[in-house]
Protein backbone atom coordinates (compact mmCIF):
# COMPACT_ATOMS: atom_id res chain seq x y z
CA MET A 1 2.65 2.10 1.68
CA MET A 2 4.28 4.27 4.31
CA MET A 3 7.65 2.47 4.21
CA ASN A 4 8.65 3.87 0.85
CA GLY A 5 11.63 6.13 1.56
CA LYS A 6 9.81 9.14 0.10
CA LYS A 7 9.50 12.39 2.01
CA LYS A 8 5.93 13.08 0.89
CA LYS A 9 3.48 14.72 3.33
CA GLU A 10 0.52 12.86 1.83
CA LEU A 11 0.32 9.40 0.32
CA ASP A 12 -2.34 8.04 -2.00
CA GLU A 13 -3.16 4.73 -3.66
CA SER A 14 -0.27 5.09 -6.12
CA ASP A 15 2.26 4.75 -3.28
CA TRP A 16 3.72 1.38 -2.31
CA ASN A 17 6.16 0.12 0.32
CA ASP A 18 9.69 -0.14 -1.05
CA LEU A 19 10.58 -3.80 -0.56
CA GLU A 20 14.27 -3.25 -1.28
CA LEU A 21 14.33 -0.64 1.49
CA LEU A 22 12.48 -2.96 3.89
CA ARG A 23 14.31 -6.25 3.31
CA PRO A 24 17.57 -5.35 5.12
CA LEU A 25 15.73 -3.78 8.07
CA ASP A 26 15.27 -5.82 11.20
CA PHE A 27 12.30 -4.61 13.23
CA VAL A 28 9.18 -6.27 14.59
CA GLY A 29 6.65 -6.40 11.79
CA SER A 30 9.02 -5.91 8.84
CA THR A 31 8.33 -9.38 7.43
CA TYR A 32 4.59 -8.80 7.90
CA ILE A 33 4.79 -5.54 5.92
CA ILE A 34 6.82 -7.20 3.16
CA SER A 35 4.45 -10.17 2.86
CA LYS A 36 1.33 -7.95 2.85
CA THR A 37 2.81 -5.78 0.09
CA MET A 38 3.82 -8.77 -2.02
CA THR A 39 0.41 -10.40 -1.54
CA GLU A 40 -1.51 -7.27 -2.51
CA LYS A 41 0.59 -6.76 -5.65
CA ALA A 42 0.15 -10.40 -6.65
CA ALA A 43 -3.61 -10.31 -6.05
CA LEU A 44 -4.05 -7.11 -8.08
CA LYS A 45 -1.92 -8.53 -10.92
CA PHE A 46 -3.85 -11.83 -10.87
CA ALA A 47 -7.19 -9.99 -11.01
CA GLU A 48 -6.06 -7.72 -13.84
CA GLU A 49 -4.74 -10.63 -15.95
CA ARG A 50 -8.04 -12.48 -15.57
CA GLY A 51 -10.41 -9.53 -15.89
CA LEU A 52 -11.62 -9.84 -12.32
CA ASP A 53 -12.93 -7.00 -10.19
CA LEU A 54 -10.76 -6.63 -7.11
CA VAL A 55 -10.83 -4.00 -4.42
CA SER A 56 -8.12 -3.61 -1.81
CA VAL A 57 -8.87 -1.61 1.37
CA LEU A 58 -5.79 -0.03 2.93
CA PRO A 59 -6.59 0.98 6.50
CA ALA A 60 -4.53 3.27 8.67
CA LEU A 61 -3.75 2.08 12.22
CA ILE A 62 -7.06 0.52 13.29
CA VAL A 63 -8.31 1.82 16.64
CA GLY A 64 -11.47 1.05 18.61
CA PRO A 65 -12.94 -1.85 20.53
CA PHE A 66 -11.87 -5.39 19.67
CA LEU A 67 -13.73 -8.69 19.90
CA GLY A 68 -11.17 -11.32 20.86
CA SER A 69 -9.73 -11.96 24.28
CA ASN A 70 -6.13 -11.44 23.12
CA LEU A 71 -4.71 -7.95 22.70
CA PRO A 72 -4.35 -7.27 18.96
CA MET A 73 -0.82 -6.36 17.83
CA ALA A 74 -1.86 -2.82 16.88
CA PHE A 75 -2.96 -2.20 20.46
CA HIS A 76 0.60 -2.47 21.71
CA THR A 77 1.23 0.62 19.58
CA ILE A 78 -1.99 2.31 20.68
CA LEU A 79 -1.24 1.71 24.37
CA GLY A 80 2.38 2.82 23.99
CA LEU A 81 1.46 6.39 24.88
CA ILE A 82 -0.38 5.38 28.05
CA ARG A 83 2.36 2.97 29.11
CA GLY A 84 5.21 5.32 28.20
CA ASP A 85 6.75 2.78 25.82
CA LYS A 86 9.11 4.89 23.70
CA ASP A 87 9.41 2.35 20.85
CA GLN A 88 5.64 2.03 20.53
CA MET A 89 5.27 5.80 20.80
CA GLU A 90 7.60 6.17 17.80
CA SER A 91 5.33 3.85 15.80
CA LEU A 92 2.22 5.71 16.94
CA LYS A 93 3.91 9.01 16.06
CA MET A 94 3.98 7.94 12.40
CA SER A 95 0.49 6.44 12.27
CA PRO A 96 -2.68 7.93 10.86
CA VAL A 97 -5.73 6.27 12.45
CA VAL A 98 -9.18 4.91 11.61
CA HIS A 99 -11.98 3.35 13.66
CA ILE A 100 -12.55 -0.40 13.24
CA ASN A 101 -16.24 0.16 12.41
CA ASP A 102 -15.34 2.65 9.67
CA VAL A 103 -13.02 0.04 8.15
CA ALA A 104 -15.82 -2.56 8.20
CA ALA A 105 -18.27 -0.02 6.72
CA ALA A 106 -15.77 0.86 3.97
CA HIS A 107 -15.53 -2.83 3.00
CA VAL A 108 -19.32 -3.09 2.73
CA HIS A 109 -19.59 0.24 0.88
CA LEU A 110 -16.98 -0.76 -1.70
CA PHE A 111 -18.52 -4.22 -2.11
CA GLU A 112 -21.84 -2.56 -2.94
CA CYS A 113 -20.29 0.13 -5.16
CA SER A 114 -20.32 -1.23 -8.72
CA GLU A 115 -17.70 1.30 -9.89
CA ALA A 116 -15.17 0.39 -7.18
CA LYS A 117 -11.86 -0.89 -8.50
CA GLY A 118 -8.30 -1.11 -7.21
CA ARG A 119 -6.87 0.26 -3.99
CA TYR A 120 -8.71 2.47 -1.48
CA ILE A 121 -7.10 4.12 1.52
CA CYS A 122 -9.27 4.16 4.64
CA SER A 123 -7.85 6.75 7.06
CA THR A 124 -9.74 9.26 9.17
CA ASP A 125 -7.11 11.45 10.80
CA ASN A 126 -3.41 11.86 11.55
CA PRO A 127 -3.13 13.24 15.10
CA THR A 128 0.23 14.06 16.66
CA LEU A 129 1.34 12.35 19.89
CA PHE A 130 0.76 15.66 21.69
CA GLU A 131 -2.84 15.80 20.39
CA LEU A 132 -3.46 12.18 21.43
CA ALA A 133 -1.95 12.73 24.87
CA LYS A 134 -4.15 15.79 25.37
CA LEU A 135 -7.22 13.89 24.19
CA ILE A 136 -6.52 10.88 26.44
CA SER A 137 -5.50 12.82 29.55
CA GLY A 138 -8.54 15.09 29.21
CA LYS A 139 -10.93 12.16 29.51
CA TYR A 140 -8.73 9.72 31.43
CA PRO A 141 -6.73 11.75 33.99
CA GLU A 142 -5.71 8.52 35.74
CA TYR A 143 -3.17 7.97 32.96
CA SER A 144 -0.12 10.20 33.16
CA MET A 145 1.14 11.29 29.79
CA PRO A 146 4.81 11.92 28.93
CA GLU A 147 6.07 15.42 28.18
CA LEU A 148 5.58 15.94 24.47
CA ASP A 149 6.34 18.70 22.00
CA PRO A 150 3.19 20.69 21.16
CA ASN A 151 4.88 21.76 17.90
CA GLU A 152 5.52 18.20 16.76
CA GLU A 153 5.14 17.67 13.05
CA LYS A 154 2.00 15.89 11.88
CA PRO A 155 2.46 12.29 10.73
CA VAL A 156 2.21 11.52 7.04
CA GLN A 157 -1.35 11.92 5.84
CA LEU A 158 -3.00 9.05 4.01
CA SER A 159 -5.43 10.46 1.47
CA SER A 160 -8.86 8.86 1.62
CA GLU A 161 -10.05 11.07 -1.24
CA LYS A 162 -10.71 8.12 -3.57
CA LEU A 163 -12.87 6.40 -0.92
CA LEU A 164 -14.71 9.62 -0.06
CA SER A 165 -15.35 10.42 -3.72
CA SER A 166 -17.09 7.04 -4.04
CA GLY A 167 -19.71 8.32 -1.58
CA PHE A 168 -18.30 6.89 1.66
CA LYS A 169 -18.57 8.91 4.87
CA PHE A 170 -16.51 8.32 8.02
CA LYS A 171 -18.61 8.09 11.17
CA TYR A 172 -16.15 7.97 14.09
CA SER A 173 -13.90 10.66 15.58
CA VAL A 174 -10.44 10.12 17.06
CA GLN A 175 -11.98 10.56 20.54
CA GLU A 176 -14.47 7.75 19.83
CA MET A 177 -11.67 5.53 18.51
CA PHE A 178 -9.60 5.87 21.66
CA ASP A 179 -12.62 5.73 24.00
CA GLY A 180 -13.55 2.37 22.47
CA ALA A 181 -9.98 1.09 22.63
CA ILE A 182 -9.39 2.20 26.22
CA SER A 183 -12.76 0.89 27.44
CA CYS A 184 -12.14 -2.46 25.78
CA CYS A 185 -8.63 -2.71 27.24
CA LYS A 186 -9.97 -1.88 30.71
CA GLU A 187 -12.72 -4.52 30.43
CA ARG A 188 -10.19 -7.19 29.40
CA GLY A 189 -7.59 -6.26 32.05
CA TYR A 190 -4.97 -4.72 29.75
CA LEU A 191 -5.24 -1.36 31.53
């Protein structure tokens, strides 16, 4: 939903990626974004035409520990700040975040919520790169952080108001998200 060409400070469930804007762009992940958008629209249309209940959970950048032995694609973005990867830092700069366990809990919550219908954003926070660098370097001084602008503009906010109004409560902080991610990456030899 964030690749829509709009200059809004906050997005909600009514916002969608603009496929015509995305199609001519050539960047890693563009075809993934296009296919996910098309699939979600088709699934929602299919459910509506057949009177089916369908809930779509739209997570921000998922951060926290991971189960598999391979580094998930999102972790290249997450580790961009630690590794000084400017391209990945640009992606992280635009990314609100959510803990993996909060995403799983939101799925369960919405499954059990009889009134749930349609799209639900699942996003905890939208820290700046400066805030993330401060958070990481404060707990992990072994990682040198790049010089960043403390006055950097906040990334676009994804409104989780619809999810929260259904009774859901986020459990994990940004610090816990990155602690879990960094610990997991250390254990598996990625850091």
